[in-house]
Every structure is written in C-alpha cells, then in structure tokens.
Amino acid sequence: TEKAEKLKEENLIGVSIDETSKRYYPFDDFLSQVIGNTNRDG
C-alpha cells in the first residue's frame, strides 16, 4: 500500500493502480496441507 500510494502521487498518465488482494497464512507452514492454498487469482 505504501508504495502504491507513493506511485499515485506521481500522477503518471497511462499508469493504472488497482486494488487487489493476496491470500495470507499467519502461521506460515502450520496446518498447510489441510488449509491448502490459492493461485494468483485467489
């Protein structure tokens, strides 16, 4: 977010900055095979 906001301040025409989300697992490899994972599209 911090980097995206800084890039927005430059107001560069033709540069699109869109909000997205990423899956996050707070305990890293904890219960990993059970919880599984998602691809880059969620």
PDB file of all heavy atoms in Angstrom:
ATOM      1  N   THR A   1       0.828  -1.215   0.000  1.00  0.00           N
ATOM      2  CA  THR A   1       0.000   0.000   0.000  1.00  0.00           C
ATOM      3  C   THR A   1       0.861   1.264   0.000  1.00  0.00           C
ATOM      4  O   THR A   1       0.581   2.221  -0.739  1.00  0.00           O
ATOM      5  CB  THR A   1      -0.925   0.004   1.229  1.00  0.00           C
ATOM      6  OG1 THR A   1      -1.738  -1.171   1.207  1.00  0.00           O
ATOM      7  CG2 THR A   1      -1.818   1.237   1.228  1.00  0.00           C
ATOM      8  N   GLU A   2       1.904   1.286   0.813  1.00  0.00           N
ATOM      9  CA  GLU A   2       2.755   2.472   0.909  1.00  0.00           C
ATOM     10  C   GLU A   2       3.385   2.820  -0.442  1.00  0.00           C
ATOM     11  O   GLU A   2       3.405   3.987  -0.852  1.00  0.00           O
ATOM     12  CB  GLU A   2       3.853   2.222   1.948  1.00  0.00           C
ATOM     13  CG  GLU A   2       4.753   3.422   2.209  1.00  0.00           C
ATOM     14  CD  GLU A   2       5.836   3.133   3.231  1.00  0.00           C
ATOM     15  OE1 GLU A   2       5.756   2.085   3.906  1.00  0.00           O
ATOM     16  OE2 GLU A   2       6.756   3.954   3.337  1.00  0.00           O
ATOM     17  N   LYS A   3       3.870   1.817  -1.158  1.00  0.00           N
ATOM     18  CA  LYS A   3       4.488   2.049  -2.466  1.00  0.00           C
ATOM     19  C   LYS A   3       3.441   2.467  -3.493  1.00  0.00           C
ATOM     20  O   LYS A   3       3.694   3.337  -4.344  1.00  0.00           O
ATOM     21  CB  LYS A   3       5.209   0.782  -2.943  1.00  0.00           C
ATOM     22  CG  LYS A   3       6.422   0.425  -2.103  1.00  0.00           C
ATOM     23  CD  LYS A   3       7.082  -0.853  -2.596  1.00  0.00           C
ATOM     24  CE  LYS A   3       8.297  -1.219  -1.745  1.00  0.00           C
ATOM     25  NZ  LYS A   3       8.922  -2.484  -2.206  1.00  0.00           N
ATOM     26  N   ALA A   4       2.259   1.842  -3.426  1.00  0.00           N
ATOM     27  CA  ALA A   4       1.189   2.190  -4.369  1.00  0.00           C
ATOM     28  C   ALA A   4       0.747   3.639  -4.188  1.00  0.00           C
ATOM     29  O   ALA A   4       0.533   4.374  -5.171  1.00  0.00           O
ATOM     30  CB  ALA A   4       0.006   1.244  -4.181  1.00  0.00           C
ATOM     31  N   GLU A   5       0.635   4.074  -2.930  1.00  0.00           N
ATOM     32  CA  GLU A   5       0.229   5.458  -2.652  1.00  0.00           C
ATOM     33  C   GLU A   5       1.288   6.443  -3.149  1.00  0.00           C
ATOM     34  O   GLU A   5       0.957   7.520  -3.683  1.00  0.00           O
ATOM     35  CB  GLU A   5       0.005   5.642  -1.148  1.00  0.00           C
ATOM     36  CG  GLU A   5      -1.186   4.883  -0.579  1.00  0.00           C
ATOM     37  CD  GLU A   5      -2.509   5.326  -1.189  1.00  0.00           C
ATOM     38  OE1 GLU A   5      -2.601   6.502  -1.612  1.00  0.00           O
ATOM     39  OE2 GLU A   5      -3.437   4.504  -1.251  1.00  0.00           O
ATOM     40  N   LYS A   6       2.539   6.087  -2.998  1.00  0.00           N
ATOM     41  CA  LYS A   6       3.627   6.957  -3.455  1.00  0.00           C
ATOM     42  C   LYS A   6       3.605   7.074  -4.983  1.00  0.00           C
ATOM     43  O   LYS A   6       3.847   8.169  -5.531  1.00  0.00           O
ATOM     44  CB  LYS A   6       4.964   6.387  -2.988  1.00  0.00           C
ATOM     45  CG  LYS A   6       6.136   7.344  -3.181  1.00  0.00           C
ATOM     46  CD  LYS A   6       7.400   6.800  -2.532  1.00  0.00           C
ATOM     47  CE  LYS A   6       8.562   7.769  -2.724  1.00  0.00           C
ATOM     48  NZ  LYS A   6       9.823   7.257  -2.108  1.00  0.00           N
ATOM     49  N   LEU A   7       3.296   5.961  -5.656  1.00  0.00           N
ATOM     50  CA  LEU A   7       3.225   5.991  -7.125  1.00  0.00           C
ATOM     51  C   LEU A   7       2.030   6.822  -7.584  1.00  0.00           C
ATOM     52  O   LEU A   7       2.107   7.541  -8.590  1.00  0.00           O
ATOM     53  CB  LEU A   7       3.135   4.562  -7.665  1.00  0.00           C
ATOM     54  CG  LEU A   7       3.224   4.399  -9.181  1.00  0.00           C
ATOM     55  CD1 LEU A   7       4.552   4.929  -9.717  1.00  0.00           C
ATOM     56  CD2 LEU A   7       3.039   2.934  -9.579  1.00  0.00           C
ATOM     57  N   LYS A   8       0.934   6.750  -6.853  1.00  0.00           N
ATOM     58  CA  LYS A   8      -0.249   7.551  -7.192  1.00  0.00           C
ATOM     59  C   LYS A   8       0.070   9.043  -7.139  1.00  0.00           C
ATOM     60  O   LYS A   8      -0.440   9.831  -7.948  1.00  0.00           O
ATOM     61  CB  LYS A   8      -1.407   7.235  -6.231  1.00  0.00           C
ATOM     62  CG  LYS A   8      -2.098   5.910  -6.479  1.00  0.00           C
ATOM     63  CD  LYS A   8      -3.216   5.692  -5.468  1.00  0.00           C
ATOM     64  CE  LYS A   8      -3.891   4.351  -5.656  1.00  0.00           C
ATOM     65  NZ  LYS A   8      -4.961   4.108  -4.647  1.00  0.00           N
ATOM     66  N   GLU A   9       0.901   9.429  -6.182  1.00  0.00           N
ATOM     67  CA  GLU A   9       1.255  10.843  -6.024  1.00  0.00           C
ATOM     68  C   GLU A   9       1.991  11.385  -7.250  1.00  0.00           C
ATOM     69  O   GLU A   9       1.973  12.600  -7.497  1.00  0.00           O
ATOM     70  CB  GLU A   9       2.135  11.018  -4.775  1.00  0.00           C
ATOM     71  CG  GLU A   9       1.394  10.776  -3.465  1.00  0.00           C
ATOM     72  CD  GLU A   9       2.322  10.792  -2.267  1.00  0.00           C
ATOM     73  OE1 GLU A   9       3.528  11.083  -2.465  1.00  0.00           O
ATOM     74  OE2 GLU A   9       1.860  10.523  -1.140  1.00  0.00           O
ATOM     75  N   GLU A  10       2.643  10.528  -8.015  1.00  0.00           N
ATOM     76  CA  GLU A  10       3.351  10.959  -9.223  1.00  0.00           C
ATOM     77  C   GLU A  10       2.387  11.333 -10.347  1.00  0.00           C
ATOM     78  O   GLU A  10       2.750  12.015 -11.303  1.00  0.00           O
ATOM     79  CB  GLU A  10       4.296   9.850  -9.695  1.00  0.00           C
ATOM     80  CG  GLU A  10       5.427   9.537  -8.739  1.00  0.00           C
ATOM     81  CD  GLU A  10       6.399  10.688  -8.611  1.00  0.00           C
ATOM     82  OE1 GLU A  10       6.560  11.456  -9.590  1.00  0.00           O
ATOM     83  OE2 GLU A  10       7.019  10.830  -7.529  1.00  0.00           O
ATOM     84  N   ASN A  11       1.126  10.848 -10.241  1.00  0.00           N
ATOM     85  CA  ASN A  11       0.075  11.189 -11.216  1.00  0.00           C
ATOM     86  C   ASN A  11       0.548  10.913 -12.658  1.00  0.00           C
ATOM     87  O   ASN A  11       0.468  11.775 -13.535  1.00  0.00           O
ATOM     88  CB  ASN A  11      -0.342  12.652 -11.051  1.00  0.00           C
ATOM     89  CG  ASN A  11      -1.679  12.936 -11.729  1.00  0.00           C
ATOM     90  OD1 ASN A  11      -2.501  12.035 -11.903  1.00  0.00           O
ATOM     91  ND2 ASN A  11      -1.878  14.181 -12.139  1.00  0.00           N
ATOM     92  N   LEU A  12       1.021   9.717 -12.897  1.00  0.00           N
ATOM     93  CA  LEU A  12       1.537   9.330 -14.210  1.00  0.00           C
ATOM     94  C   LEU A  12       0.396   8.875 -15.118  1.00  0.00           C
ATOM     95  O   LEU A  12      -0.278   7.878 -14.829  1.00  0.00           O
ATOM     96  CB  LEU A  12       2.570   8.201 -14.064  1.00  0.00           C
ATOM     97  CG  LEU A  12       3.796   8.517 -13.190  1.00  0.00           C
ATOM     98  CD1 LEU A  12       4.667   7.286 -13.035  1.00  0.00           C
ATOM     99  CD2 LEU A  12       4.597   9.666 -13.781  1.00  0.00           C
ATOM    100  N   ILE A  13       0.160   9.641 -16.202  1.00  0.00           N
ATOM    101  CA  ILE A  13      -0.894   9.300 -17.159  1.00  0.00           C
ATOM    102  C   ILE A  13      -0.560   7.959 -17.817  1.00  0.00           C
ATOM    103  O   ILE A  13       0.569   7.712 -18.236  1.00  0.00           O
ATOM    104  CB  ILE A  13      -1.031  10.389 -18.253  1.00  0.00           C
ATOM    105  CG1 ILE A  13      -1.314  11.746 -17.607  1.00  0.00           C
ATOM    106  CG2 ILE A  13      -2.126  10.018 -19.238  1.00  0.00           C
ATOM    107  CD1 ILE A  13      -2.593  11.798 -16.831  1.00  0.00           C
ATOM    108  N   GLY A  14      -1.567   7.076 -17.882  1.00  0.00           N
ATOM    109  CA  GLY A  14      -1.360   5.776 -18.519  1.00  0.00           C
ATOM    110  C   GLY A  14      -0.893   4.695 -17.564  1.00  0.00           C
ATOM    111  O   GLY A  14      -0.649   3.565 -17.980  1.00  0.00           O
ATOM    112  N   VAL A  15      -0.750   5.035 -16.293  1.00  0.00           N
ATOM    113  CA  VAL A  15      -0.381   4.034 -15.278  1.00  0.00           C
ATOM    114  C   VAL A  15      -1.604   3.779 -14.402  1.00  0.00           C
ATOM    115  O   VAL A  15      -2.166   4.701 -13.818  1.00  0.00           O
ATOM    116  CB  VAL A  15       0.803   4.518 -14.415  1.00  0.00           C
ATOM    117  CG1 VAL A  15       1.085   3.518 -13.295  1.00  0.00           C
ATOM    118  CG2 VAL A  15       2.040   4.721 -15.269  1.00  0.00           C
ATOM    119  N   SER A  16      -2.012   2.513 -14.361  1.00  0.00           N
ATOM    120  CA  SER A  16      -3.193   2.132 -13.577  1.00  0.00           C
ATOM    121  C   SER A  16      -2.764   1.433 -12.299  1.00  0.00           C
ATOM    122  O   SER A  16      -1.917   0.530 -12.327  1.00  0.00           O
ATOM    123  CB  SER A  16      -4.088   1.200 -14.408  1.00  0.00           C
ATOM    124  OG  SER A  16      -5.197   0.768 -13.646  1.00  0.00           O
ATOM    125  N   ILE A  17      -3.341   1.847 -11.186  1.00  0.00           N
ATOM    126  CA  ILE A  17      -3.018   1.261  -9.878  1.00  0.00           C
ATOM    127  C   ILE A  17      -4.330   0.765  -9.281  1.00  0.00           C
ATOM    128  O   ILE A  17      -5.154   1.556  -8.813  1.00  0.00           O
ATOM    129  CB  ILE A  17      -2.354   2.291  -8.954  1.00  0.00           C
ATOM    130  CG1 ILE A  17      -1.110   2.883  -9.632  1.00  0.00           C
ATOM    131  CG2 ILE A  17      -1.978   1.651  -7.623  1.00  0.00           C
ATOM    132  CD1 ILE A  17      -0.563   4.110  -8.943  1.00  0.00           C
ATOM    133  N   ASP A  18      -4.547  -0.538  -9.333  1.00  0.00           N
ATOM    134  CA  ASP A  18      -5.824  -1.131  -8.913  1.00  0.00           C
ATOM    135  C   ASP A  18      -5.650  -1.978  -7.666  1.00  0.00           C
ATOM    136  O   ASP A  18      -4.674  -2.735  -7.529  1.00  0.00           O
ATOM    137  CB  ASP A  18      -6.396  -1.999 -10.036  1.00  0.00           C
ATOM    138  CG  ASP A  18      -6.669  -1.196 -11.298  1.00  0.00           C
ATOM    139  OD1 ASP A  18      -7.397  -0.194 -11.197  1.00  0.00           O
ATOM    140  OD2 ASP A  18      -6.143  -1.569 -12.368  1.00  0.00           O
ATOM    141  N   GLU A  19      -6.617  -1.859  -6.769  1.00  0.00           N
ATOM    142  CA  GLU A  19      -6.577  -2.643  -5.534  1.00  0.00           C
ATOM    143  C   GLU A  19      -6.827  -4.116  -5.830  1.00  0.00           C
ATOM    144  O   GLU A  19      -7.676  -4.470  -6.645  1.00  0.00           O
ATOM    145  CB  GLU A  19      -7.615  -2.122  -4.532  1.00  0.00           C
ATOM    146  CG  GLU A  19      -7.475  -2.745  -3.154  1.00  0.00           C
ATOM    147  CD  GLU A  19      -8.385  -2.103  -2.120  1.00  0.00           C
ATOM    148  OE1 GLU A  19      -9.071  -1.121  -2.451  1.00  0.00           O
ATOM    149  OE2 GLU A  19      -8.401  -2.598  -0.980  1.00  0.00           O
ATOM    150  N   THR A  20      -6.092  -4.974  -5.188  1.00  0.00           N
ATOM    151  CA  THR A  20      -6.269  -6.419  -5.312  1.00  0.00           C
ATOM    152  C   THR A  20      -6.057  -7.030  -3.932  1.00  0.00           C
ATOM    153  O   THR A  20      -5.870  -6.317  -2.952  1.00  0.00           O
ATOM    154  CB  THR A  20      -5.291  -7.021  -6.351  1.00  0.00           C
ATOM    155  OG1 THR A  20      -5.614  -8.402  -6.546  1.00  0.00           O
ATOM    156  CG2 THR A  20      -3.845  -6.905  -5.879  1.00  0.00           C
ATOM    157  N   SER A  21      -6.107  -8.339  -3.840  1.00  0.00           N
ATOM    158  CA  SER A  21      -5.871  -8.989  -2.546  1.00  0.00           C
ATOM    159  C   SER A  21      -4.992 -10.217  -2.728  1.00  0.00           C
ATOM    160  O   SER A  21      -4.950 -10.808  -3.808  1.00  0.00           O
ATOM    161  CB  SER A  21      -7.200  -9.388  -1.889  1.00  0.00           C
ATOM    162  OG  SER A  21      -7.854 -10.378  -2.660  1.00  0.00           O
ATOM    163  N   LYS A  22      -4.318 -10.574  -1.673  1.00  0.00           N
ATOM    164  CA  LYS A  22      -3.454 -11.745  -1.687  1.00  0.00           C
ATOM    165  C   LYS A  22      -3.783 -12.597  -0.470  1.00  0.00           C
ATOM    166  O   LYS A  22      -4.009 -12.085   0.622  1.00  0.00           O
ATOM    167  CB  LYS A  22      -1.977 -11.331  -1.647  1.00  0.00           C
ATOM    168  CG  LYS A  22      -1.002 -12.500  -1.699  1.00  0.00           C
ATOM    169  CD  LYS A  22       0.442 -12.024  -1.605  1.00  0.00           C
ATOM    170  CE  LYS A  22       1.419 -13.188  -1.675  1.00  0.00           C
ATOM    171  NZ  LYS A  22       2.823 -12.770  -1.554  1.00  0.00           N
ATOM    172  N   ARG A  23      -3.811 -13.910  -0.686  1.00  0.00           N
ATOM    173  CA  ARG A  23      -4.083 -14.812   0.429  1.00  0.00           C
ATOM    174  C   ARG A  23      -2.874 -14.856   1.346  1.00  0.00           C
ATOM    175  O   ARG A  23      -1.730 -14.955   0.895  1.00  0.00           O
ATOM    176  CB  ARG A  23      -4.384 -16.207  -0.119  1.00  0.00           C
ATOM    177  CG  ARG A  23      -5.233 -17.060   0.810  1.00  0.00           C
ATOM    178  CD  ARG A  23      -6.573 -16.450   1.085  1.00  0.00           C
ATOM    179  NE  ARG A  23      -7.482 -17.375   1.784  1.00  0.00           N
ATOM    180  CZ  ARG A  23      -8.577 -17.001   2.358  1.00  0.00           C
ATOM    181  NH1 ARG A  23      -8.911 -15.714   2.359  1.00  0.00           N
ATOM    182  NH2 ARG A  23      -9.368 -17.873   2.953  1.00  0.00           N
ATOM    183  N   TYR A  24      -3.159 -14.794   2.653  1.00  0.00           N
ATOM    184  CA  TYR A  24      -2.086 -14.747   3.635  1.00  0.00           C
ATOM    185  C   TYR A  24      -2.365 -15.756   4.744  1.00  0.00           C
ATOM    186  O   TYR A  24      -3.503 -15.875   5.235  1.00  0.00           O
ATOM    187  CB  TYR A  24      -1.971 -13.336   4.229  1.00  0.00           C
ATOM    188  CG  TYR A  24      -0.969 -13.224   5.348  1.00  0.00           C
ATOM    189  CD1 TYR A  24       0.392 -13.420   5.119  1.00  0.00           C
ATOM    190  CD2 TYR A  24      -1.385 -12.931   6.645  1.00  0.00           C
ATOM    191  CE1 TYR A  24       1.315 -13.338   6.154  1.00  0.00           C
ATOM    192  CE2 TYR A  24      -0.469 -12.825   7.686  1.00  0.00           C
ATOM    193  CZ  TYR A  24       0.873 -13.042   7.429  1.00  0.00           C
ATOM    194  OH  TYR A  24       1.783 -12.947   8.453  1.00  0.00           O
ATOM    195  N   TYR A  25      -1.321 -16.482   5.122  1.00  0.00           N
ATOM    196  CA  TYR A  25      -1.430 -17.520   6.147  1.00  0.00           C
ATOM    197  C   TYR A  25      -0.560 -17.112   7.343  1.00  0.00           C
ATOM    198  O   TYR A  25       0.674 -17.197   7.274  1.00  0.00           O
ATOM    199  CB  TYR A  25      -1.003 -18.872   5.567  1.00  0.00           C
ATOM    200  CG  TYR A  25      -1.814 -19.228   4.338  1.00  0.00           C
ATOM    201  CD1 TYR A  25      -1.397 -18.830   3.063  1.00  0.00           C
ATOM    202  CD2 TYR A  25      -3.024 -19.902   4.457  1.00  0.00           C
ATOM    203  CE1 TYR A  25      -2.158 -19.117   1.941  1.00  0.00           C
ATOM    204  CE2 TYR A  25      -3.793 -20.192   3.333  1.00  0.00           C
ATOM    205  CZ  TYR A  25      -3.351 -19.794   2.084  1.00  0.00           C
ATOM    206  OH  TYR A  25      -4.111 -20.064   0.972  1.00  0.00           O
ATOM    207  N   PRO A  26      -1.184 -16.638   8.429  1.00  0.00           N
ATOM    208  CA  PRO A  26      -0.445 -16.048   9.556  1.00  0.00           C
ATOM    209  C   PRO A  26       0.593 -16.970  10.190  1.00  0.00           C
ATOM    210  O   PRO A  26       1.585 -16.502  10.731  1.00  0.00           O
ATOM    211  CB  PRO A  26      -1.556 -15.707  10.565  1.00  0.00           C
ATOM    212  CG  PRO A  26      -2.801 -15.602   9.754  1.00  0.00           C
ATOM    213  CD  PRO A  26      -2.632 -16.571   8.641  1.00  0.00           C
ATOM    214  N   PHE A  27       0.370 -18.302  10.121  1.00  0.00           N
ATOM    215  CA  PHE A  27       1.285 -19.229  10.789  1.00  0.00           C
ATOM    216  C   PHE A  27       2.193 -19.963   9.798  1.00  0.00           C
ATOM    217  O   PHE A  27       2.743 -21.017  10.114  1.00  0.00           O
ATOM    218  CB  PHE A  27       0.492 -20.242  11.625  1.00  0.00           C
ATOM    219  CG  PHE A  27      -0.277 -19.625  12.757  1.00  0.00           C
ATOM    220  CD1 PHE A  27      -1.629 -19.356  12.631  1.00  0.00           C
ATOM    221  CD2 PHE A  27       0.358 -19.287  13.940  1.00  0.00           C
ATOM    222  CE1 PHE A  27      -2.343 -18.782  13.670  1.00  0.00           C
ATOM    223  CE2 PHE A  27      -0.344 -18.713  14.992  1.00  0.00           C
ATOM    224  CZ  PHE A  27      -1.695 -18.459  14.853  1.00  0.00           C
ATOM    225  N   ASP A  28       2.322 -19.421   8.595  1.00  0.00           N
ATOM    226  CA  ASP A  28       3.209 -19.992   7.567  1.00  0.00           C
ATOM    227  C   ASP A  28       2.893 -21.464   7.293  1.00  0.00           C
ATOM    228  O   ASP A  28       1.832 -21.754   6.790  1.00  0.00           O
ATOM    229  CB  ASP A  28       4.678 -19.793   7.958  1.00  0.00           C
ATOM    230  CG  ASP A  28       5.075 -18.320   7.927  1.00  0.00           C
ATOM    231  OD1 ASP A  28       4.537 -17.592   7.085  1.00  0.00           O
ATOM    232  OD2 ASP A  28       5.907 -17.898   8.750  1.00  0.00           O
ATOM    233  N   ASP A  29       3.815 -22.394   7.640  1.00  0.00           N
ATOM    234  CA  ASP A  29       3.610 -23.793   7.256  1.00  0.00           C
ATOM    235  C   ASP A  29       2.710 -24.566   8.213  1.00  0.00           C
ATOM    236  O   ASP A  29       2.531 -25.772   8.078  1.00  0.00           O
ATOM    237  CB  ASP A  29       4.965 -24.514   7.126  1.00  0.00           C
ATOM    238  CG  ASP A  29       5.729 -24.561   8.435  1.00  0.00           C
ATOM    239  OD1 ASP A  29       5.348 -23.854   9.382  1.00  0.00           O
ATOM    240  OD2 ASP A  29       6.724 -25.305   8.505  1.00  0.00           O
ATOM    241  N   PHE A  30       2.105 -23.907   9.169  1.00  0.00           N
ATOM    242  CA  PHE A  30       1.204 -24.524  10.141  1.00  0.00           C
ATOM    243  C   PHE A  30      -0.067 -25.020   9.445  1.00  0.00           C
ATOM    244  O   PHE A  30      -0.754 -24.256   8.768  1.00  0.00           O
ATOM    245  CB  PHE A  30       0.856 -23.476  11.202  1.00  0.00           C
ATOM    246  CG  PHE A  30      -0.051 -23.953  12.297  1.00  0.00           C
ATOM    247  CD1 PHE A  30       0.458 -24.645  13.378  1.00  0.00           C
ATOM    248  CD2 PHE A  30      -1.406 -23.684  12.259  1.00  0.00           C
ATOM    249  CE1 PHE A  30      -0.366 -25.064  14.408  1.00  0.00           C
ATOM    250  CE2 PHE A  30      -2.238 -24.086  13.268  1.00  0.00           C
ATOM    251  CZ  PHE A  30      -1.723 -24.792  14.344  1.00  0.00           C
ATOM    252  N   LEU A  31      -0.370 -26.324   9.561  1.00  0.00           N
ATOM    253  CA  LEU A  31      -1.590 -26.918   9.001  1.00  0.00           C
ATOM    254  C   LEU A  31      -1.670 -26.740   7.482  1.00  0.00           C
ATOM    255  O   LEU A  31      -2.742 -26.710   6.901  1.00  0.00           O
ATOM    256  CB  LEU A  31      -2.830 -26.307   9.681  1.00  0.00           C
ATOM    257  CG  LEU A  31      -4.158 -27.046   9.560  1.00  0.00           C
ATOM    258  CD1 LEU A  31      -4.139 -28.378  10.284  1.00  0.00           C
ATOM    259  CD2 LEU A  31      -5.302 -26.185  10.093  1.00  0.00           C
ATOM    260  N   SER A  32      -0.525 -26.589   6.837  1.00  0.00           N
ATOM    261  CA  SER A  32      -0.512 -26.168   5.436  1.00  0.00           C
ATOM    262  C   SER A  32      -1.198 -27.139   4.484  1.00  0.00           C
ATOM    263  O   SER A  32      -1.940 -26.719   3.591  1.00  0.00           O
ATOM    264  CB  SER A  32       0.935 -25.910   4.971  1.00  0.00           C
ATOM    265  OG  SER A  32       1.744 -27.053   5.182  1.00  0.00           O
ATOM    266  N   GLN A  33      -0.968 -28.464   4.647  1.00  0.00           N
ATOM    267  CA  GLN A  33      -1.600 -29.402   3.710  1.00  0.00           C
ATOM    268  C   GLN A  33      -3.107 -29.476   3.901  1.00  0.00           C
ATOM    269  O   GLN A  33      -3.829 -29.835   2.979  1.00  0.00           O
ATOM    270  CB  GLN A  33      -1.000 -30.808   3.858  1.00  0.00           C
ATOM    271  CG  GLN A  33       0.429 -30.910   3.372  1.00  0.00           C
ATOM    272  CD  GLN A  33       1.409 -30.967   4.520  1.00  0.00           C
ATOM    273  OE1 GLN A  33       1.113 -30.484   5.620  1.00  0.00           O
ATOM    274  NE2 GLN A  33       2.577 -31.544   4.286  1.00  0.00           N
ATOM    275  N   VAL A  34      -3.593 -29.136   5.080  1.00  0.00           N
ATOM    276  CA  VAL A  34      -5.036 -29.152   5.342  1.00  0.00           C
ATOM    277  C   VAL A  34      -5.696 -27.895   4.786  1.00  0.00           C
ATOM    278  O   VAL A  34      -6.691 -27.963   4.056  1.00  0.00           O
ATOM    279  CB  VAL A  34      -5.326 -29.280   6.849  1.00  0.00           C
ATOM    280  CG1 VAL A  34      -6.828 -29.175   7.117  1.00  0.00           C
ATOM    281  CG2 VAL A  34      -4.789 -30.602   7.368  1.00  0.00           C
ATOM    282  N   ILE A  35      -5.145 -26.742   5.119  1.00  0.00           N
ATOM    283  CA  ILE A  35      -5.725 -25.485   4.632  1.00  0.00           C
ATOM    284  C   ILE A  35      -5.572 -25.378   3.127  1.00  0.00           C
ATOM    285  O   ILE A  35      -6.480 -24.929   2.425  1.00  0.00           O
ATOM    286  CB  ILE A  35      -5.065 -24.276   5.319  1.00  0.00           C
ATOM    287  CG1 ILE A  35      -5.314 -24.312   6.824  1.00  0.00           C
ATOM    288  CG2 ILE A  35      -5.595 -22.958   4.731  1.00  0.00           C
ATOM    289  CD1 ILE A  35      -4.594 -23.226   7.593  1.00  0.00           C
ATOM    290  N   GLY A  36      -4.412 -25.801   2.593  1.00  0.00           N
ATOM    291  CA  GLY A  36      -4.183 -25.702   1.152  1.00  0.00           C
ATOM    292  C   GLY A  36      -3.680 -24.337   0.751  1.00  0.00           C
ATOM    293  O   GLY A  36      -3.105 -23.605   1.555  1.00  0.00           O
ATOM    294  N   ASN A  37      -3.952 -23.936  -0.491  1.00  0.00           N
ATOM    295  CA  ASN A  37      -3.509 -22.630  -0.979  1.00  0.00           C
ATOM    296  C   ASN A  37      -4.360 -22.195  -2.153  1.00  0.00           C
ATOM    297  O   ASN A  37      -5.211 -22.956  -2.644  1.00  0.00           O
ATOM    298  CB  ASN A  37      -2.023 -22.678  -1.367  1.00  0.00           C
ATOM    299  CG  ASN A  37      -1.718 -23.773  -2.379  1.00  0.00           C
ATOM    300  OD1 ASN A  37      -2.252 -23.787  -3.484  1.00  0.00           O
ATOM    301  ND2 ASN A  37      -0.857 -24.703  -2.002  1.00  0.00           N
ATOM    302  N   THR A  38      -4.152 -20.976  -2.597  1.00  0.00           N
ATOM    303  CA  THR A  38      -4.872 -20.436  -3.760  1.00  0.00           C
ATOM    304  C   THR A  38      -3.863 -20.042  -4.828  1.00  0.00           C
ATOM    305  O   THR A  38      -2.674 -19.859  -4.545  1.00  0.00           O
ATOM    306  CB  THR A  38      -5.704 -19.197  -3.380  1.00  0.00           C
ATOM    307  OG1 THR A  38      -4.812 -18.156  -2.956  1.00  0.00           O
ATOM    308  CG2 THR A  38      -6.674 -19.507  -2.257  1.00  0.00           C
ATOM    309  N   ASN A  39      -4.350 -19.879  -6.059  1.00  0.00           N
ATOM    310  CA  ASN A  39      -3.463 -19.376  -7.101  1.00  0.00           C
ATOM    311  C   ASN A  39      -3.449 -17.851  -7.078  1.00  0.00           C
ATOM    312  O   ASN A  39      -4.067 -17.226  -6.209  1.00  0.00           O
ATOM    313  CB  ASN A  39      -3.871 -19.916  -8.479  1.00  0.00           C
ATOM    314  CG  ASN A  39      -5.272 -19.466  -8.900  1.00  0.00           C
ATOM    315  OD1 ASN A  39      -5.845 -18.526  -8.332  1.00  0.00           O
ATOM    316  ND2 ASN A  39      -5.834 -20.128  -9.887  1.00  0.00           N
ATOM    317  N   ARG A  40      -2.777 -17.242  -8.018  1.00  0.00           N
ATOM    318  CA  ARG A  40      -2.621 -15.777  -8.013  1.00  0.00           C
ATOM    319  C   ARG A  40      -3.939 -15.039  -8.238  1.00  0.00           C
ATOM    320  O   ARG A  40      -4.058 -13.854  -7.935  1.00  0.00           O
ATOM    321  CB  ARG A  40      -1.581 -15.347  -9.062  1.00  0.00           C
ATOM    322  CG  ARG A  40      -2.029 -15.497 -10.490  1.00  0.00           C
ATOM    323  CD  ARG A  40      -0.850 -15.431 -11.449  1.00  0.00           C
ATOM    324  NE  ARG A  40      -0.098 -14.216 -11.320  1.00  0.00           N
ATOM    325  CZ  ARG A  40      -0.309 -13.132 -12.067  1.00  0.00           C
ATOM    326  NH1 ARG A  40      -1.266 -13.134 -12.987  1.00  0.00           N
ATOM    327  NH2 ARG A  40       0.433 -12.056 -11.916  1.00  0.00           N
ATOM    328  N   ASP A  41      -4.950 -15.758  -8.735  1.00  0.00           N
ATOM    329  CA  ASP A  41      -6.266 -15.153  -8.934  1.00  0.00           C
ATOM    330  C   ASP A  41      -7.197 -15.397  -7.755  1.00  0.00           C
ATOM    331  O   ASP A  41      -8.381 -15.080  -7.822  1.00  0.00           O
ATOM    332  CB  ASP A  41      -6.905 -15.688 -10.214  1.00  0.00           C
ATOM    333  CG  ASP A  41      -6.124 -15.286 -11.458  1.00  0.00           C
ATOM    334  OD1 ASP A  41      -5.710 -14.113 -11.524  1.00  0.00           O
ATOM    335  OD2 ASP A  41      -5.914 -16.130 -12.341  1.00  0.00           O
ATOM    336  N   GLY A  42      -6.655 -15.992  -6.690  1.00  0.00           N
ATOM    337  CA  GLY A  42      -7.463 -16.209  -5.491  1.00  0.00           C
ATOM    338  C   GLY A  42      -8.388 -17.402  -5.562  1.00  0.00           C
ATOM    339  O   GLY A  42      -9.362 -17.481  -4.814  1.00  0.00           O
TER     340      GLY A  42
END
